[in-house]
Amino acid sequence: MIKDFATNKNIHLPTKTSKKNGQPFIEPFIKFGTSAIGIHPVTKKLFLLSASDYLLFIFNMKGDIEHIEQLNPTTFNKAEGITFMKWRYANNERRTRQKQLYYFSNTDKNKNYQ
């Protein structure tokens, strides 16, 4: 389901090389290591961070994927939290022990997360 959604939306997922009938081929590979999950209080959409894949998934309450956002591994090297206020926030723990907080505005161009 996730692989099909990503393929149809032209989203590049992490990949791995496998073998089929003795021939190597590259296929999408998601570890799906959930690092944070939250339900938007107004839209009731489920937001899920997968830190190991650098992906933010948005599902409706039926479990259908509505959006997958690729996160920049440099900026979000270990995304660990999400909360909802006027903006959506995601926090990040860096190896330097300096924590960071990023927000996603409701008015970000091409980024309708509601």
C-alpha atoms as a PDB file:
ATOM      1  CA  MET A   1       0.000   0.000   0.000  1.00  0.00           C
ATOM      2  CA  ILE A   2       2.740   2.500   0.948  1.00  0.00           C
ATOM      3  CA  LYS A   3       4.963   1.490  -1.965  1.00  0.00           C
ATOM      4  CA  ASP A   4       2.064   1.841  -4.409  1.00  0.00           C
ATOM      5  CA  PHE A   5       1.124   5.264  -3.029  1.00  0.00           C
ATOM      6  CA  ALA A   6       4.730   6.482  -3.250  1.00  0.00           C
ATOM      7  CA  THR A   7       5.126   5.159  -6.791  1.00  0.00           C
ATOM      8  CA  ASN A   8       1.883   6.804  -7.951  1.00  0.00           C
ATOM      9  CA  LYS A   9       2.892  10.141  -6.362  1.00  0.00           C
ATOM     10  CA  ASN A  10       6.480   9.963  -7.672  1.00  0.00           C
ATOM     11  CA  ILE A  11       7.927   9.897  -4.140  1.00  0.00           C
ATOM     12  CA  HIS A  12      11.373   8.342  -3.927  1.00  0.00           C
ATOM     13  CA  LEU A  13      11.566   5.917  -1.031  1.00  0.00           C
ATOM     14  CA  PRO A  14      14.711   4.351   0.429  1.00  0.00           C
ATOM     15  CA  THR A  15      15.707   1.306  -1.617  1.00  0.00           C
ATOM     16  CA  LYS A  16      17.476  -2.010  -1.237  1.00  0.00           C
ATOM     17  CA  THR A  17      18.837  -4.491  -3.759  1.00  0.00           C
ATOM     18  CA  SER A  18      17.163  -7.908  -3.789  1.00  0.00           C
ATOM     19  CA  LYS A  19      17.277 -10.918  -6.064  1.00  0.00           C
ATOM     20  CA  LYS A  20      14.400 -12.367  -8.024  1.00  0.00           C
ATOM     21  CA  ASN A  21      14.997 -15.507 -10.079  1.00  0.00           C
ATOM     22  CA  GLY A  22      18.712 -14.995  -9.490  1.00  0.00           C
ATOM     23  CA  GLN A  23      18.640 -11.461 -10.949  1.00  0.00           C
ATOM     24  CA  PRO A  24      19.359  -8.407  -8.797  1.00  0.00           C
ATOM     25  CA  PHE A  25      16.738  -5.671  -8.753  1.00  0.00           C
ATOM     26  CA  ILE A  26      16.167  -2.535  -6.706  1.00  0.00           C
ATOM     27  CA  GLU A  27      12.962  -2.212  -4.720  1.00  0.00           C
ATOM     28  CA  PRO A  28      11.555   0.326  -2.258  1.00  0.00           C
ATOM     29  CA  PHE A  29      12.398  -0.496   1.345  1.00  0.00           C
ATOM     30  CA  ILE A  30      10.845   1.145   4.386  1.00  0.00           C
ATOM     31  CA  LYS A  31      11.961   0.247   7.892  1.00  0.00           C
ATOM     32  CA  PHE A  32       8.925   2.087   9.279  1.00  0.00           C
ATOM     33  CA  GLY A  33      10.622   2.839  12.581  1.00  0.00           C
ATOM     34  CA  THR A  34       7.939   4.941  14.220  1.00  0.00           C
ATOM     35  CA  SER A  35       9.538   7.677  16.296  1.00  0.00           C
ATOM     36  CA  ALA A  36       6.439   9.838  16.874  1.00  0.00           C
ATOM     37  CA  ILE A  37       2.737   9.727  16.210  1.00  0.00           C
ATOM     38  CA  GLY A  38      -0.022  12.268  16.699  1.00  0.00           C
ATOM     39  CA  ILE A  39      -3.596  12.965  15.692  1.00  0.00           C
ATOM     40  CA  HIS A  40      -4.376  16.483  14.495  1.00  0.00           C
ATOM     41  CA  PRO A  41      -7.034  17.837  16.879  1.00  0.00           C
ATOM     42  CA  VAL A  42      -9.066  19.545  14.139  1.00  0.00           C
ATOM     43  CA  THR A  43      -8.665  17.392  11.018  1.00  0.00           C
ATOM     44  CA  LYS A  44      -8.343  14.097  12.925  1.00  0.00           C
ATOM     45  CA  LYS A  45      -5.583  13.016  10.528  1.00  0.00           C
ATOM     46  CA  LEU A  46      -2.857  10.768  11.887  1.00  0.00           C
ATOM     47  CA  PHE A  47       0.726  12.029  11.511  1.00  0.00           C
ATOM     48  CA  LEU A  48       3.509   9.468  11.840  1.00  0.00           C
ATOM     49  CA  LEU A  49       7.257  10.160  11.837  1.00  0.00           C
ATOM     50  CA  SER A  50       9.643   7.424  10.766  1.00  0.00           C
ATOM     51  CA  ALA A  51      13.061   8.687  11.825  1.00  0.00           C
ATOM     52  CA  SER A  52      14.926   5.746  10.323  1.00  0.00           C
ATOM     53  CA  ASP A  53      13.407   6.426   6.876  1.00  0.00           C
ATOM     54  CA  TYR A  54      13.358  10.251   7.112  1.00  0.00           C
ATOM     55  CA  LEU A  55       9.664  10.217   6.225  1.00  0.00           C
ATOM     56  CA  LEU A  56       6.514  11.866   7.576  1.00  0.00           C
ATOM     57  CA  PHE A  57       3.324   9.943   6.797  1.00  0.00           C
ATOM     58  CA  ILE A  58      -0.178  11.418   6.968  1.00  0.00           C
ATOM     59  CA  PHE A  59      -3.147   9.043   7.162  1.00  0.00           C
ATOM     60  CA  ASN A  60      -6.870   9.631   7.358  1.00  0.00           C
ATOM     61  CA  MET A  61      -8.764   7.891  10.136  1.00  0.00           C
ATOM     62  CA  LYS A  62      -9.687   5.033   7.792  1.00  0.00           C
ATOM     63  CA  GLY A  63      -5.976   4.212   7.546  1.00  0.00           C
ATOM     64  CA  ASP A  64      -5.560   5.481   3.975  1.00  0.00           C
ATOM     65  CA  ILE A  65      -2.342   7.330   3.171  1.00  0.00           C
ATOM     66  CA  GLU A  66      -2.951  10.930   2.184  1.00  0.00           C
ATOM     67  CA  HIS A  67       0.608  12.226   2.040  1.00  0.00           C
ATOM     68  CA  ILE A  68       4.231  11.183   2.440  1.00  0.00           C
ATOM     69  CA  GLU A  69       6.809  13.892   3.044  1.00  0.00           C
ATOM     70  CA  GLN A  70      10.507  13.183   2.652  1.00  0.00           C
ATOM     71  CA  LEU A  71      12.528  14.800   5.425  1.00  0.00           C
ATOM     72  CA  ASN A  72      15.999  16.159   4.841  1.00  0.00           C
ATOM     73  CA  PRO A  73      18.405  13.786   6.683  1.00  0.00           C
ATOM     74  CA  THR A  74      20.752  16.661   7.491  1.00  0.00           C
ATOM     75  CA  THR A  75      18.007  18.734   9.075  1.00  0.00           C
ATOM     76  CA  PHE A  76      16.077  15.837  10.617  1.00  0.00           C
ATOM     77  CA  ASN A  77      18.849  13.420  11.492  1.00  0.00           C
ATOM     78  CA  LYS A  78      16.677  11.944  14.268  1.00  0.00           C
ATOM     79  CA  ALA A  79      13.115  13.298  14.205  1.00  0.00           C
ATOM     80  CA  GLU A  80      11.573  12.304  17.515  1.00  0.00           C
ATOM     81  CA  GLY A  81       8.433  14.278  18.230  1.00  0.00           C
ATOM     82  CA  ILE A  82       5.411  15.978  16.757  1.00  0.00           C
ATOM     83  CA  THR A  83       2.760  18.263  18.244  1.00  0.00           C
ATOM     84  CA  PHE A  84       0.011  20.505  16.925  1.00  0.00           C
ATOM     85  CA  MET A  85      -0.630  24.127  17.739  1.00  0.00           C
ATOM     86  CA  LYS A  86      -1.009  27.024  15.326  1.00  0.00           C
ATOM     87  CA  TRP A  87       1.774  25.297  13.378  1.00  0.00           C
ATOM     88  CA  ARG A  88       2.897  21.708  13.367  1.00  0.00           C
ATOM     89  CA  TYR A  89       6.176  21.099  15.148  1.00  0.00           C
ATOM     90  CA  ALA A  90       8.734  18.327  14.899  1.00  0.00           C
ATOM     91  CA  ASN A  91      11.676  18.117  17.238  1.00  0.00           C
ATOM     92  CA  ASN A  92      15.053  16.652  16.468  1.00  0.00           C
ATOM     93  CA  GLU A  93      17.875  15.342  18.631  1.00  0.00           C
ATOM     94  CA  ARG A  94      21.277  15.900  17.097  1.00  0.00           C
ATOM     95  CA  ARG A  95      24.476  14.046  17.832  1.00  0.00           C
ATOM     96  CA  THR A  96      25.920  17.255  19.251  1.00  0.00           C
ATOM     97  CA  ARG A  97      23.246  16.979  21.964  1.00  0.00           C
ATOM     98  CA  GLN A  98      21.833  20.287  20.780  1.00  0.00           C
ATOM     99  CA  LYS A  99      18.111  19.742  20.357  1.00  0.00           C
ATOM    100  CA  GLN A 100      16.204  21.491  17.575  1.00  0.00           C
ATOM    101  CA  LEU A 101      12.568  22.359  17.000  1.00  0.00           C
ATOM    102  CA  TYR A 102      11.160  22.872  13.499  1.00  0.00           C
ATOM    103  CA  TYR A 103       7.722  24.045  12.553  1.00  0.00           C
ATOM    104  CA  PHE A 104       5.617  23.598   9.461  1.00  0.00           C
ATOM    105  CA  SER A 105       3.378  26.604   8.836  1.00  0.00           C
ATOM    106  CA  ASN A 106      -0.161  26.218   7.550  1.00  0.00           C
ATOM    107  CA  THR A 107       0.821  28.627   4.781  1.00  0.00           C
ATOM    108  CA  ASP A 108       3.911  26.760   3.514  1.00  0.00           C
ATOM    109  CA  LYS A 109       3.676  26.636  -0.270  1.00  0.00           C
ATOM    110  CA  ASN A 110       2.815  23.194  -1.627  1.00  0.00           C
ATOM    111  CA  LYS A 111       2.671  21.780   1.883  1.00  0.00           C
ATOM    112  CA  ASN A 112      -0.961  21.288   2.844  1.00  0.00           C
ATOM    113  CA  TYR A 113      -0.726  19.055   5.903  1.00  0.00           C
ATOM    114  CA  GLN A 114      -4.300  19.558   7.109  1.00  0.00           C
END
